[in-house]
Amino acid sequence: MIKTGGKQYKVKEGQVLKIEKIEVEIGENTKFDTLLVADSQTGEAEIGAPSLGEKVSAKVLAHDKADKVRVIKYKNKTRYTKNTGHRQPYTKIEVSKID
């Protein structure tokens, strides 16, 4: 389990996931703050207090923006309508190694 961008993610080796945008170049490796490491075969787990350090390394695959979310404000009988949109930036990573 890693922590980045104020969120926690359950990861395993080889997994590709989208996280909050981080300032790392495409193709570079980065390490993440690890909260918990568990082995499913033996059932053993290491729990950090508050963390175990940087035990998970991942390769940055891409930086992009998510699909647009439309936000519409409307008030009845007052001719008030406001349209806005938002595209959240993200970073796509592939977990390469868990120590």
PDB file of N, CA and C in Angstrom:
ATOM      1  N   MET A   1       0.850  -1.164   0.000  1.00  0.00           N
ATOM      2  CA  MET A   1       0.000   0.000   0.000  1.00  0.00           C
ATOM      3  C   MET A   1       0.899   1.232   0.000  1.00  0.00           C
ATOM      4  N   ILE A   2       0.664   2.130  -0.964  1.00  0.00           N
ATOM      5  CA  ILE A   2       1.489   3.324  -1.048  1.00  0.00           C
ATOM      6  C   ILE A   2       0.644   4.564  -0.804  1.00  0.00           C
ATOM      7  N   LYS A   3       1.338   5.658  -0.528  1.00  0.00           N
ATOM      8  CA  LYS A   3       0.668   6.922  -0.280  1.00  0.00           C
ATOM      9  C   LYS A   3       1.283   7.970  -1.189  1.00  0.00           C
ATOM     10  N   THR A   4       0.444   8.651  -1.971  1.00  0.00           N
ATOM     11  CA  THR A   4       0.908   9.744  -2.820  1.00  0.00           C
ATOM     12  C   THR A   4      -0.260  10.663  -3.149  1.00  0.00           C
ATOM     13  N   GLY A   5      -0.005  11.933  -3.186  1.00  0.00           N
ATOM     14  CA  GLY A   5      -1.038  12.896  -3.540  1.00  0.00           C
ATOM     15  C   GLY A   5      -2.189  12.954  -2.560  1.00  0.00           C
ATOM     16  N   GLY A   6      -1.956  12.617  -1.294  1.00  0.00           N
ATOM     17  CA  GLY A   6      -3.021  12.638  -0.299  1.00  0.00           C
ATOM     18  C   GLY A   6      -3.946  11.439  -0.375  1.00  0.00           C
ATOM     19  N   LYS A   7      -3.603  10.445  -1.214  1.00  0.00           N
ATOM     20  CA  LYS A   7      -4.434   9.256  -1.366  1.00  0.00           C
ATOM     21  C   LYS A   7      -3.586   8.013  -1.138  1.00  0.00           C
ATOM     22  N   GLN A   8      -4.251   6.905  -0.849  1.00  0.00           N
ATOM     23  CA  GLN A   8      -3.577   5.634  -0.642  1.00  0.00           C
ATOM     24  C   GLN A   8      -4.023   4.649  -1.719  1.00  0.00           C
ATOM     25  N   TYR A   9      -3.066   3.859  -2.224  1.00  0.00           N
ATOM     26  CA  TYR A   9      -3.344   2.906  -3.285  1.00  0.00           C
ATOM     27  C   TYR A   9      -2.815   1.535  -2.906  1.00  0.00           C
ATOM     28  N   LYS A  10      -3.609   0.506  -3.167  1.00  0.00           N
ATOM     29  CA  LYS A  10      -3.176  -0.876  -2.988  1.00  0.00           C
ATOM     30  C   LYS A  10      -2.549  -1.311  -4.311  1.00  0.00           C
ATOM     31  N   VAL A  11      -1.273  -1.694  -4.291  1.00  0.00           N
ATOM     32  CA  VAL A  11      -0.559  -2.001  -5.532  1.00  0.00           C
ATOM     33  C   VAL A  11       0.101  -3.371  -5.466  1.00  0.00           C
ATOM     34  N   LYS A  12       0.421  -3.916  -6.657  1.00  0.00           N
ATOM     35  CA  LYS A  12       1.212  -5.127  -6.759  1.00  0.00           C
ATOM     36  C   LYS A  12       2.146  -4.963  -7.954  1.00  0.00           C
ATOM     37  N   GLU A  13       3.163  -5.790  -8.039  1.00  0.00           N
ATOM     38  CA  GLU A  13       4.155  -5.667  -9.098  1.00  0.00           C
ATOM     39  C   GLU A  13       3.514  -5.857 -10.464  1.00  0.00           C
ATOM     40  N   GLY A  14       3.904  -5.002 -11.421  1.00  0.00           N
ATOM     41  CA  GLY A  14       3.379  -5.076 -12.768  1.00  0.00           C
ATOM     42  C   GLY A  14       2.076  -4.323 -12.982  1.00  0.00           C
ATOM     43  N   GLN A  15       1.493  -3.785 -11.933  1.00  0.00           N
ATOM     44  CA  GLN A  15       0.217  -3.080 -12.034  1.00  0.00           C
ATOM     45  C   GLN A  15       0.413  -1.695 -12.646  1.00  0.00           C
ATOM     46  N   VAL A  16      -0.513  -1.288 -13.511  1.00  0.00           N
ATOM     47  CA  VAL A  16      -0.507   0.042 -14.107  1.00  0.00           C
ATOM     48  C   VAL A  16      -1.674   0.809 -13.511  1.00  0.00           C
ATOM     49  N   LEU A  17      -1.408   2.019 -12.969  1.00  0.00           N
ATOM     50  CA  LEU A  17      -2.480   2.788 -12.381  1.00  0.00           C
ATOM     51  C   LEU A  17      -2.272   4.271 -12.594  1.00  0.00           C
ATOM     52  N   LYS A  18      -3.346   5.036 -12.403  1.00  0.00           N
ATOM     53  CA  LYS A  18      -3.326   6.486 -12.540  1.00  0.00           C
ATOM     54  C   LYS A  18      -3.342   7.097 -11.157  1.00  0.00           C
ATOM     55  N   ILE A  19      -2.385   7.999 -10.907  1.00  0.00           N
ATOM     56  CA  ILE A  19      -2.295   8.675  -9.613  1.00  0.00           C
ATOM     57  C   ILE A  19      -2.352  10.179  -9.843  1.00  0.00           C
ATOM     58  N   GLU A  20      -2.431  10.932  -8.762  1.00  0.00           N
ATOM     59  CA  GLU A  20      -2.365  12.382  -8.870  1.00  0.00           C
ATOM     60  C   GLU A  20      -1.051  12.775  -9.529  1.00  0.00           C
ATOM     61  N   LYS A  21      -1.049  13.852 -10.286  1.00  0.00           N
ATOM     62  CA  LYS A  21       0.126  14.247 -11.061  1.00  0.00           C
ATOM     63  C   LYS A  21       1.329  14.504 -10.161  1.00  0.00           C
ATOM     64  N   ILE A  22       2.478  13.930 -10.557  1.00  0.00           N
ATOM     65  CA  ILE A  22       3.736  14.158  -9.861  1.00  0.00           C
ATOM     66  C   ILE A  22       4.732  14.737 -10.865  1.00  0.00           C
ATOM     67  N   GLU A  23       5.697  15.484 -10.381  1.00  0.00           N
ATOM     68  CA  GLU A  23       6.672  16.155 -11.238  1.00  0.00           C
ATOM     69  C   GLU A  23       7.879  15.257 -11.476  1.00  0.00           C
ATOM     70  N   VAL A  24       7.715  14.233 -12.303  1.00  0.00           N
ATOM     71  CA  VAL A  24       8.782  13.311 -12.687  1.00  0.00           C
ATOM     72  C   VAL A  24       8.697  13.145 -14.199  1.00  0.00           C
ATOM     73  N   GLU A  25       9.835  13.123 -14.870  1.00  0.00           N
ATOM     74  CA  GLU A  25       9.862  12.988 -16.328  1.00  0.00           C
ATOM     75  C   GLU A  25       9.373  11.597 -16.759  1.00  0.00           C
ATOM     76  N   ILE A  26       8.829  11.529 -17.976  1.00  0.00           N
ATOM     77  CA  ILE A  26       8.347  10.260 -18.537  1.00  0.00           C
ATOM     78  C   ILE A  26       9.536   9.332 -18.764  1.00  0.00           C
ATOM     79  N   GLY A  27       9.389   8.077 -18.345  1.00  0.00           N
ATOM     80  CA  GLY A  27      10.445   7.079 -18.495  1.00  0.00           C
ATOM     81  C   GLY A  27      11.344   6.941 -17.281  1.00  0.00           C
ATOM     82  N   GLU A  28      11.296   7.877 -16.350  1.00  0.00           N
ATOM     83  CA  GLU A  28      12.120   7.801 -15.141  1.00  0.00           C
ATOM     84  C   GLU A  28      11.453   6.928 -14.088  1.00  0.00           C
ATOM     85  N   ASN A  29      12.283   6.415 -13.178  1.00  0.00           N
ATOM     86  CA  ASN A  29      11.774   5.641 -12.051  1.00  0.00           C
ATOM     87  C   ASN A  29      11.641   6.555 -10.845  1.00  0.00           C
ATOM     88  N   THR A  30      10.657   6.251 -10.008  1.00  0.00           N
ATOM     89  CA  THR A  30      10.448   7.007  -8.787  1.00  0.00           C
ATOM     90  C   THR A  30      10.065   6.050  -7.674  1.00  0.00           C
ATOM     91  N   LYS A  31      10.243   6.478  -6.439  1.00  0.00           N
ATOM     92  CA  LYS A  31       9.897   5.659  -5.278  1.00  0.00           C
ATOM     93  C   LYS A  31       8.760   6.321  -4.515  1.00  0.00           C
ATOM     94  N   PHE A  32       7.944   5.498  -3.862  1.00  0.00           N
ATOM     95  CA  PHE A  32       6.784   5.995  -3.131  1.00  0.00           C
ATOM     96  C   PHE A  32       6.850   5.598  -1.666  1.00  0.00           C
ATOM     97  N   ASP A  33       6.276   6.452  -0.825  1.00  0.00           N
ATOM     98  CA  ASP A  33       6.185   6.207   0.609  1.00  0.00           C
ATOM     99  C   ASP A  33       5.280   5.000   0.837  1.00  0.00           C
ATOM    100  N   THR A  34       5.785   3.976   1.521  1.00  0.00           N
ATOM    101  CA  THR A  34       5.069   2.721   1.698  1.00  0.00           C
ATOM    102  C   THR A  34       4.473   2.640   3.098  1.00  0.00           C
ATOM    103  N   LEU A  35       3.189   2.314   3.175  1.00  0.00           N
ATOM    104  CA  LEU A  35       2.494   2.205   4.457  1.00  0.00           C
ATOM    105  C   LEU A  35       2.422   0.775   4.954  1.00  0.00           C
ATOM    106  N   LEU A  36       2.285  -0.199   4.026  1.00  0.00           N
ATOM    107  CA  LEU A  36       2.093  -1.580   4.414  1.00  0.00           C
ATOM    108  C   LEU A  36       2.631  -2.482   3.314  1.00  0.00           C
ATOM    109  N   VAL A  37       3.316  -3.548   3.709  1.00  0.00           N
ATOM    110  CA  VAL A  37       3.772  -4.559   2.756  1.00  0.00           C
ATOM    111  C   VAL A  37       3.290  -5.906   3.276  1.00  0.00           C
ATOM    112  N   ALA A  38       2.535  -6.626   2.432  1.00  0.00           N
ATOM    113  CA  ALA A  38       1.996  -7.926   2.833  1.00  0.00           C
ATOM    114  C   ALA A  38       2.349  -8.966   1.782  1.00  0.00           C
ATOM    115  N   ASP A  39       2.637 -10.189   2.240  1.00  0.00           N
ATOM    116  CA  ASP A  39       2.924 -11.301   1.344  1.00  0.00           C
ATOM    117  C   ASP A  39       1.713 -12.233   1.373  1.00  0.00           C
ATOM    118  N   SER A  40       1.071 -12.410   0.219  1.00  0.00           N
ATOM    119  CA  SER A  40      -0.154 -13.204   0.182  1.00  0.00           C
ATOM    120  C   SER A  40       0.111 -14.701   0.356  1.00  0.00           C
ATOM    121  N   GLN A  41       1.310 -15.169   0.010  1.00  0.00           N
ATOM    122  CA  GLN A  41       1.604 -16.591   0.123  1.00  0.00           C
ATOM    123  C   GLN A  41       1.860 -17.011   1.565  1.00  0.00           C
ATOM    124  N   THR A  42       2.624 -16.220   2.298  1.00  0.00           N
ATOM    125  CA  THR A  42       2.941 -16.586   3.677  1.00  0.00           C
ATOM    126  C   THR A  42       1.996 -15.961   4.694  1.00  0.00           C
ATOM    127  N   GLY A  43       1.291 -14.903   4.293  1.00  0.00           N
ATOM    128  CA  GLY A  43       0.368 -14.248   5.212  1.00  0.00           C
ATOM    129  C   GLY A  43       1.043 -13.266   6.146  1.00  0.00           C
ATOM    130  N   GLU A  44       2.324 -12.979   5.933  1.00  0.00           N
ATOM    131  CA  GLU A  44       3.044 -12.039   6.793  1.00  0.00           C
ATOM    132  C   GLU A  44       2.832 -10.614   6.291  1.00  0.00           C
ATOM    133  N   ALA A  45       2.842  -9.669   7.224  1.00  0.00           N
ATOM    134  CA  ALA A  45       2.643  -8.264   6.864  1.00  0.00           C
ATOM    135  C   ALA A  45       3.551  -7.382   7.701  1.00  0.00           C
ATOM    136  N   GLU A  46       4.105  -6.356   7.058  1.00  0.00           N
ATOM    137  CA  GLU A  46       4.863  -5.316   7.749  1.00  0.00           C
ATOM    138  C   GLU A  46       4.008  -4.069   7.744  1.00  0.00           C
ATOM    139  N   ILE A  47       3.785  -3.503   8.909  1.00  0.00           N
ATOM    140  CA  ILE A  47       2.968  -2.302   9.027  1.00  0.00           C
ATOM    141  C   ILE A  47       3.843  -1.177   9.534  1.00  0.00           C
ATOM    142  N   GLY A  48       3.827  -0.059   8.830  1.00  0.00           N
ATOM    143  CA  GLY A  48       4.640   1.085   9.207  1.00  0.00           C
ATOM    144  C   GLY A  48       3.961   1.938  10.247  1.00  0.00           C
ATOM    145  N   ALA A  49       4.772   2.619  11.035  1.00  0.00           N
ATOM    146  CA  ALA A  49       4.233   3.533  12.030  1.00  0.00           C
ATOM    147  C   ALA A  49       5.019   4.826  11.966  1.00  0.00           C
ATOM    148  N   PRO A  50       4.729   5.794  11.160  1.00  0.00           N
ATOM    149  CA  PRO A  50       3.628   5.886  10.205  1.00  0.00           C
ATOM    150  C   PRO A  50       3.936   5.283   8.840  1.00  0.00           C
ATOM    151  N   SER A  51       5.221   5.051   8.493  1.00  0.00           N
ATOM    152  CA  SER A  51       5.502   4.448   7.189  1.00  0.00           C
ATOM    153  C   SER A  51       6.738   3.570   7.283  1.00  0.00           C
ATOM    154  N   LEU A  52       6.952   2.772   6.232  1.00  0.00           N
ATOM    155  CA  LEU A  52       8.106   1.877   6.157  1.00  0.00           C
ATOM    156  C   LEU A  52       9.250   2.492   5.359  1.00  0.00           C
ATOM    157  N   GLY A  53       9.039   3.662   4.809  1.00  0.00           N
ATOM    158  CA  GLY A  53      10.036   4.287   3.952  1.00  0.00           C
ATOM    159  C   GLY A  53       9.652   4.103   2.498  1.00  0.00           C
ATOM    160  N   GLU A  54      10.619   4.265   1.619  1.00  0.00           N
ATOM    161  CA  GLU A  54      10.350   4.168   0.183  1.00  0.00           C
ATOM    162  C   GLU A  54      10.720   2.781  -0.321  1.00  0.00           C
ATOM    163  N   LYS A  55       9.774   1.854  -0.285  1.00  0.00           N
ATOM    164  CA  LYS A  55      10.022   0.461  -0.681  1.00  0.00           C
ATOM    165  C   LYS A  55       9.429   0.103  -2.026  1.00  0.00           C
ATOM    166  N   VAL A  56       8.560   0.934  -2.574  1.00  0.00           N
ATOM    167  CA  VAL A  56       7.917   0.643  -3.849  1.00  0.00           C
ATOM    168  C   VAL A  56       8.496   1.562  -4.915  1.00  0.00           C
ATOM    169  N   SER A  57       9.014   0.966  -5.994  1.00  0.00           N
ATOM    170  CA  SER A  57       9.512   1.773  -7.100  1.00  0.00           C
ATOM    171  C   SER A  57       8.633   1.555  -8.318  1.00  0.00           C
ATOM    172  N   ALA A  58       8.474   2.619  -9.111  1.00  0.00           N
ATOM    173  CA  ALA A  58       7.595   2.570 -10.275  1.00  0.00           C
ATOM    174  C   ALA A  58       8.183   3.403 -11.403  1.00  0.00           C
ATOM    175  N   LYS A  59       7.787   3.062 -12.611  1.00  0.00           N
ATOM    176  CA  LYS A  59       8.225   3.779 -13.806  1.00  0.00           C
ATOM    177  C   LYS A  59       7.081   4.653 -14.296  1.00  0.00           C
ATOM    178  N   VAL A  60       7.379   5.913 -14.605  1.00  0.00           N
ATOM    179  CA  VAL A  60       6.370   6.843 -15.100  1.00  0.00           C
ATOM    180  C   VAL A  60       6.147   6.574 -16.587  1.00  0.00           C
ATOM    181  N   LEU A  61       4.903   6.288 -16.965  1.00  0.00           N
ATOM    182  CA  LEU A  61       4.568   5.989 -18.351  1.00  0.00           C
ATOM    183  C   LEU A  61       4.060   7.208 -19.112  1.00  0.00           C
ATOM    184  N   ALA A  62       3.240   8.047 -18.472  1.00  0.00           N
ATOM    185  CA  ALA A  62       2.654   9.187 -19.182  1.00  0.00           C
ATOM    186  C   ALA A  62       2.085  10.202 -18.203  1.00  0.00           C
ATOM    187  N   HIS A  63       1.958  11.434 -18.689  1.00  0.00           N
ATOM    188  CA  HIS A  63       1.223  12.500 -18.004  1.00  0.00           C
ATOM    189  C   HIS A  63       0.071  12.870 -18.916  1.00  0.00           C
ATOM    190  N   ASP A  64      -1.126  13.023 -18.351  1.00  0.00           N
ATOM    191  CA  ASP A  64      -2.293  13.311 -19.176  1.00  0.00           C
ATOM    192  C   ASP A  64      -3.357  13.974 -18.321  1.00  0.00           C
ATOM    193  N   LYS A  65      -4.494  14.250 -18.936  1.00  0.00           N
ATOM    194  CA  LYS A  65      -5.639  14.790 -18.217  1.00  0.00           C
ATOM    195  C   LYS A  65      -6.809  13.817 -18.354  1.00  0.00           C
ATOM    196  N   ALA A  66      -7.622  13.732 -17.322  1.00  0.00           N
ATOM    197  CA  ALA A  66      -8.791  12.855 -17.324  1.00  0.00           C
ATOM    198  C   ALA A  66      -9.885  13.463 -18.197  1.00  0.00           C
ATOM    199  N   ASP A  67     -10.958  12.724 -18.393  1.00  0.00           N
ATOM    200  CA  ASP A  67     -12.087  13.229 -19.165  1.00  0.00           C
ATOM    201  C   ASP A  67     -12.697  14.444 -18.476  1.00  0.00           C
ATOM    202  N   LYS A  68     -13.317  15.286 -19.278  1.00  0.00           N
ATOM    203  CA  LYS A  68     -13.889  16.518 -18.747  1.00  0.00           C
ATOM    204  C   LYS A  68     -15.117  16.226 -17.890  1.00  0.00           C
ATOM    205  N   VAL A  69     -15.189  16.897 -16.758  1.00  0.00           N
ATOM    206  CA  VAL A  69     -16.352  16.830 -15.879  1.00  0.00           C
ATOM    207  C   VAL A  69     -17.096  18.142 -16.047  1.00  0.00           C
ATOM    208  N   ARG A  70     -18.349  18.080 -16.452  1.00  0.00           N
ATOM    209  CA  ARG A  70     -19.152  19.281 -16.664  1.00  0.00           C
ATOM    210  C   ARG A  70     -19.856  19.661 -15.368  1.00  0.00           C
ATOM    211  N   VAL A  71     -19.776  20.955 -15.026  1.00  0.00           N
ATOM    212  CA  VAL A  71     -20.432  21.479 -13.831  1.00  0.00           C
ATOM    213  C   VAL A  71     -21.401  22.561 -14.297  1.00  0.00           C
ATOM    214  N   ILE A  72     -22.680  22.366 -14.025  1.00  0.00           N
ATOM    215  CA  ILE A  72     -23.702  23.324 -14.455  1.00  0.00           C
ATOM    216  C   ILE A  72     -24.429  23.851 -13.229  1.00  0.00           C
ATOM    217  N   LYS A  73     -24.424  25.181 -13.085  1.00  0.00           N
ATOM    218  CA  LYS A  73     -25.187  25.819 -12.019  1.00  0.00           C
ATOM    219  C   LYS A  73     -26.423  26.447 -12.658  1.00  0.00           C
ATOM    220  N   TYR A  74     -27.577  26.240 -12.053  1.00  0.00           N
ATOM    221  CA  TYR A  74     -28.822  26.728 -12.616  1.00  0.00           C
ATOM    222  C   TYR A  74     -29.753  27.163 -11.495  1.00  0.00           C
ATOM    223  N   LYS A  75     -30.328  28.343 -11.670  1.00  0.00           N
ATOM    224  CA  LYS A  75     -31.338  28.810 -10.721  1.00  0.00           C
ATOM    225  C   LYS A  75     -32.627  29.069 -11.496  1.00  0.00           C
ATOM    226  N   ASN A  76     -33.674  28.461 -11.026  1.00  0.00           N
ATOM    227  CA  ASN A  76     -34.965  28.542 -11.697  1.00  0.00           C
ATOM    228  C   ASN A  76     -35.563  29.950 -11.578  1.00  0.00           C
ATOM    229  N   LYS A  77     -36.196  30.419 -12.628  1.00  0.00           N
ATOM    230  CA  LYS A  77     -36.970  31.671 -12.680  1.00  0.00           C
ATOM    231  C   LYS A  77     -36.122  32.928 -12.566  1.00  0.00           C
ATOM    232  N   THR A  78     -34.800  32.825 -12.598  1.00  0.00           N
ATOM    233  CA  THR A  78     -33.970  34.030 -12.501  1.00  0.00           C
ATOM    234  C   THR A  78     -33.049  34.195 -13.704  1.00  0.00           C
ATOM    235  N   ARG A  79     -33.174  33.321 -14.697  1.00  0.00           N
ATOM    236  CA  ARG A  79     -32.359  33.342 -15.905  1.00  0.00           C
ATOM    237  C   ARG A  79     -30.857  33.248 -15.587  1.00  0.00           C
ATOM    238  N   TYR A  80     -30.533  32.447 -14.596  1.00  0.00           N
ATOM    239  CA  TYR A  80     -29.129  32.267 -14.214  1.00  0.00           C
ATOM    240  C   TYR A  80     -28.677  30.856 -14.593  1.00  0.00           C
ATOM    241  N   THR A  81     -27.699  30.768 -15.465  1.00  0.00           N
ATOM    242  CA  THR A  81     -27.088  29.499 -15.847  1.00  0.00           C
ATOM    243  C   THR A  81     -25.602  29.728 -15.991  1.00  0.00           C
ATOM    244  N   LYS A  82     -24.825  28.829 -15.434  1.00  0.00           N
ATOM    245  CA  LYS A  82     -23.371  28.939 -15.535  1.00  0.00           C
ATOM    246  C   LYS A  82     -22.804  27.557 -15.824  1.00  0.00           C
ATOM    247  N   ASN A  83     -22.020  27.438 -16.891  1.00  0.00           N
ATOM    248  CA  ASN A  83     -21.390  26.183 -17.267  1.00  0.00           C
ATOM    249  C   ASN A  83     -19.882  26.284 -17.071  1.00  0.00           C
ATOM    250  N   THR A  84     -19.303  25.303 -16.408  1.00  0.00           N
ATOM    251  CA  THR A  84     -17.848  25.216 -16.282  1.00  0.00           C
ATOM    252  C   THR A  84     -17.445  23.766 -16.479  1.00  0.00           C
ATOM    253  N   GLY A  85     -16.181  23.566 -16.762  1.00  0.00           N
ATOM    254  CA  GLY A  85     -15.666  22.217 -16.935  1.00  0.00           C
ATOM    255  C   GLY A  85     -14.346  22.075 -16.211  1.00  0.00           C
ATOM    256  N   HIS A  86     -13.957  20.834 -15.948  1.00  0.00           N
ATOM    257  CA  HIS A  86     -12.701  20.581 -15.244  1.00  0.00           C
ATOM    258  C   HIS A  86     -12.083  19.291 -15.766  1.00  0.00           C
ATOM    259  N   ARG A  87     -10.773  19.320 -16.022  1.00  0.00           N
ATOM    260  CA  ARG A  87     -10.029  18.122 -16.416  1.00  0.00           C
ATOM    261  C   ARG A  87      -8.883  17.949 -15.423  1.00  0.00           C
ATOM    262  N   GLN A  88      -8.944  16.897 -14.633  1.00  0.00           N
ATOM    263  CA  GLN A  88      -7.949  16.635 -13.594  1.00  0.00           C
ATOM    264  C   GLN A  88      -6.689  16.031 -14.211  1.00  0.00           C
ATOM    265  N   PRO A  89      -5.511  16.630 -13.983  1.00  0.00           N
ATOM    266  CA  PRO A  89      -4.275  16.024 -14.490  1.00  0.00           C
ATOM    267  C   PRO A  89      -3.894  14.790 -13.663  1.00  0.00           C
ATOM    268  N   TYR A  90      -3.284  13.794 -14.339  1.00  0.00           N
ATOM    269  CA  TYR A  90      -2.849  12.594 -13.646  1.00  0.00           C
ATOM    270  C   TYR A  90      -1.547  12.092 -14.246  1.00  0.00           C
ATOM    271  N   THR A  91      -0.911  11.173 -13.530  1.00  0.00           N
ATOM    272  CA  THR A  91       0.296  10.505 -13.996  1.00  0.00           C
ATOM    273  C   THR A  91       0.029   9.013 -14.040  1.00  0.00           C
ATOM    274  N   LYS A  92       0.382   8.378 -15.145  1.00  0.00           N
ATOM    275  CA  LYS A  92       0.186   6.949 -15.295  1.00  0.00           C
ATOM    276  C   LYS A  92       1.516   6.269 -14.964  1.00  0.00           C
ATOM    277  N   ILE A  93       1.489   5.316 -14.013  1.00  0.00           N
ATOM    278  CA  ILE A  93       2.709   4.629 -13.586  1.00  0.00           C
ATOM    279  C   ILE A  93       2.544   3.125 -13.692  1.00  0.00           C
ATOM    280  N   GLU A  94       3.685   2.443 -13.744  1.00  0.00           N
ATOM    281  CA  GLU A  94       3.714   0.982 -13.693  1.00  0.00           C
ATOM    282  C   GLU A  94       4.612   0.579 -12.529  1.00  0.00           C
ATOM    283  N   VAL A  95       4.068  -0.174 -11.582  1.00  0.00           N
ATOM    284  CA  VAL A  95       4.820  -0.615 -10.415  1.00  0.00           C
ATOM    285  C   VAL A  95       5.818  -1.676 -10.870  1.00  0.00           C
ATOM    286  N   SER A  96       7.099  -1.397 -10.659  1.00  0.00           N
ATOM    287  CA  SER A  96       8.119  -2.313 -11.159  1.00  0.00           C
ATOM    288  C   SER A  96       8.670  -3.224 -10.076  1.00  0.00           C
ATOM    289  N   LYS A  97       8.793  -2.726  -8.849  1.00  0.00           N
ATOM    290  CA  LYS A  97       9.418  -3.546  -7.811  1.00  0.00           C
ATOM    291  C   LYS A  97       8.917  -3.154  -6.426  1.00  0.00           C
ATOM    292  N   ILE A  98       8.689  -4.154  -5.596  1.00  0.00           N
ATOM    293  CA  ILE A  98       8.336  -3.945  -4.188  1.00  0.00           C
ATOM    294  C   ILE A  98       9.403  -4.669  -3.369  1.00  0.00           C
ATOM    295  N   ASP A  99      10.135  -3.911  -2.546  1.00  0.00           N
ATOM    296  CA  ASP A  99      11.208  -4.495  -1.728  1.00  0.00           C
ATOM    297  C   ASP A  99      10.647  -5.240  -0.533  1.00  0.00           C
TER     298      ASP A  99
END
